[in-house]
Amino acid sequence: MTRESVRELQSSDRRRWNRIALIVPVHIQSGTERTSAAVSAVTVQSKDVSPGGVYVTTSAGGVFVPGEILTVTVPVPWESRRAFPFSLMTGLCRVVRVDELSTINEEPSRGVALAFCGESTTLLGAIVTAV
């Protein structure tokens, strides 16, 4: 067994991107106008963000189901542009995992891991050129 294969067996972390701690409001929408499913939207709070996905926490009602596809919009504040050279990430995300975190004031708090669905992700930002 090679050193790399042992390392892969020991680590269950399969992320391809580094995560940055970033707490911002994240807009999540389920359903679309083109489907018969009802469109619902909720704003939750991010805990960390990467170009590959976002982990959010919420105590809002609604159920997140692993495998569900959602439309997600993550604004990136000016102060965080060193870590992310863009101002907005938006696109389709798949719910990877739902964690029950705790109960606050009789409302359950959940952590939801979302992975961007590749080609459908849009990164908006300014192009900066050196003078």
Protein backbone atom coordinates (compact mmCIF):
# COMPACT_ATOMS: atom_id res chain seq x y z
CA MET A 1 0.00 0.00 0.00
CA THR A 2 1.40 3.41 -0.94
CA ARG A 3 1.56 6.38 1.39
CA GLU A 4 -1.04 8.21 -0.72
CA SER A 5 -3.56 5.35 -0.55
CA VAL A 6 -3.18 5.16 3.24
CA ARG A 7 -3.77 8.90 3.51
CA GLU A 8 -6.90 8.59 1.37
CA LEU A 9 -8.24 5.79 3.57
CA GLN A 10 -7.61 7.79 6.73
CA SER A 11 -9.31 10.96 5.51
CA SER A 12 -13.01 11.12 4.76
CA ASP A 13 -12.58 14.72 3.56
CA ARG A 14 -13.06 14.68 -0.22
CA ARG A 15 -13.04 18.43 -0.79
CA ARG A 16 -11.14 19.77 -3.77
CA TRP A 17 -11.19 23.40 -2.62
CA ASN A 18 -10.00 25.11 0.55
CA ARG A 19 -12.80 26.53 2.67
CA ILE A 20 -12.79 30.10 3.94
CA ALA A 21 -14.71 31.07 7.08
CA LEU A 22 -17.21 33.60 5.77
CA ILE A 23 -20.43 34.55 7.53
CA VAL A 24 -22.86 36.18 5.09
CA PRO A 25 -26.57 35.83 4.32
CA VAL A 26 -27.16 33.16 1.66
CA HIS A 27 -30.34 33.13 -0.42
CA ILE A 28 -31.68 29.64 -1.18
CA GLN A 29 -34.56 28.92 -3.53
CA SER A 30 -36.16 25.54 -4.14
CA GLY A 31 -38.37 24.72 -7.09
CA THR A 32 -38.55 26.71 -10.30
CA GLU A 33 -41.21 28.52 -12.23
CA ARG A 34 -40.92 25.83 -14.93
CA THR A 35 -41.80 22.92 -12.65
CA SER A 36 -45.03 22.07 -10.94
CA ALA A 37 -43.29 22.24 -7.54
CA ALA A 38 -43.96 25.33 -5.48
CA VAL A 39 -41.20 27.93 -5.40
CA SER A 40 -40.00 28.68 -1.91
CA ALA A 41 -37.13 30.88 -0.76
CA VAL A 42 -35.25 31.26 2.51
CA THR A 43 -32.25 33.28 3.62
CA VAL A 44 -29.78 31.41 5.83
CA GLN A 45 -26.30 32.16 7.16
CA SER A 46 -23.08 30.74 5.77
CA LYS A 47 -20.42 29.30 8.03
CA ASP A 48 -17.77 28.64 5.40
CA VAL A 49 -17.52 28.97 1.64
CA SER A 50 -15.39 27.57 -1.15
CA PRO A 51 -15.63 27.68 -4.95
CA GLY A 52 -17.00 24.13 -4.70
CA GLY A 53 -19.76 24.75 -2.18
CA VAL A 54 -21.03 26.36 0.98
CA TYR A 55 -21.94 25.21 4.48
CA VAL A 56 -24.89 27.06 5.98
CA THR A 57 -26.64 27.07 9.32
CA THR A 58 -30.34 27.69 9.76
CA SER A 59 -33.11 27.46 12.28
CA ALA A 60 -35.70 28.39 9.66
CA GLY A 61 -38.52 26.03 8.94
CA GLY A 62 -38.40 23.86 5.90
CA VAL A 63 -36.69 20.59 5.30
CA PHE A 64 -33.49 20.14 3.36
CA VAL A 65 -33.24 16.71 1.77
CA PRO A 66 -29.90 15.17 0.74
CA GLY A 67 -29.72 15.04 -3.06
CA GLU A 68 -32.17 17.93 -3.49
CA ILE A 69 -31.15 20.58 -6.05
CA LEU A 70 -31.48 24.22 -4.96
CA THR A 71 -30.63 27.62 -6.44
CA VAL A 72 -28.11 29.34 -4.16
CA THR A 73 -26.78 32.92 -4.15
CA VAL A 74 -23.77 33.83 -1.98
CA PRO A 75 -22.64 37.48 -1.85
CA VAL A 76 -18.95 38.08 -1.10
CA PRO A 77 -18.29 41.31 0.82
CA TRP A 78 -15.51 43.63 -0.27
CA GLU A 79 -13.38 42.76 2.78
CA SER A 80 -13.23 39.10 1.70
CA ARG A 81 -12.03 39.69 -1.87
CA ARG A 82 -8.49 38.50 -1.07
CA ALA A 83 -9.85 35.01 -0.49
CA PHE A 84 -12.44 35.22 -3.29
CA PRO A 85 -11.71 37.43 -6.31
CA PHE A 86 -15.41 37.81 -7.11
CA SER A 87 -18.42 39.52 -5.60
CA LEU A 88 -21.18 36.94 -6.05
CA MET A 89 -21.48 33.16 -6.47
CA THR A 90 -24.76 31.84 -7.78
CA GLY A 91 -25.95 28.59 -9.26
CA LEU A 92 -27.46 25.21 -8.66
CA CYS A 93 -26.34 23.32 -5.56
CA ARG A 94 -26.96 19.77 -4.42
CA VAL A 95 -27.68 19.16 -0.74
CA VAL A 96 -24.85 16.86 0.33
CA ARG A 97 -25.61 16.51 4.03
CA VAL A 98 -27.92 17.84 6.74
CA ASP A 99 -26.57 17.97 10.32
CA GLU A 100 -28.77 18.46 13.38
CA LEU A 101 -26.68 20.93 15.40
CA SER A 102 -28.67 21.88 18.49
CA THR A 103 -31.97 23.18 19.74
CA ILE A 104 -32.20 26.90 20.44
CA ASN A 105 -35.39 28.25 22.03
CA GLU A 106 -37.18 25.02 21.08
CA GLU A 107 -36.25 25.48 17.41
CA PRO A 108 -33.83 22.98 15.89
CA SER A 109 -30.67 24.38 14.35
CA ARG A 110 -29.35 22.62 11.25
CA GLY A 111 -26.12 22.68 9.29
CA VAL A 112 -26.52 22.08 5.57
CA ALA A 113 -23.61 21.20 3.26
CA LEU A 114 -24.23 22.34 -0.33
CA ALA A 115 -22.07 21.48 -3.36
CA PHE A 116 -22.18 23.63 -6.50
CA CYS A 117 -23.20 21.66 -9.59
CA GLY A 118 -20.20 22.47 -11.78
CA GLU A 119 -21.10 24.14 -15.05
CA SER A 120 -24.20 25.87 -13.69
CA THR A 121 -22.21 28.04 -11.26
CA THR A 122 -21.73 31.73 -12.06
CA LEU A 123 -18.99 33.79 -10.40
CA LEU A 124 -19.43 37.53 -10.80
CA GLY A 125 -16.65 39.99 -10.10
CA ALA A 126 -14.56 42.83 -11.33
CA ILE A 127 -11.57 42.38 -13.59
CA VAL A 128 -8.55 44.10 -12.09
CA THR A 129 -5.61 45.00 -14.27
CA ALA A 130 -2.24 46.34 -13.21
CA VAL A 131 -1.27 49.79 -14.41
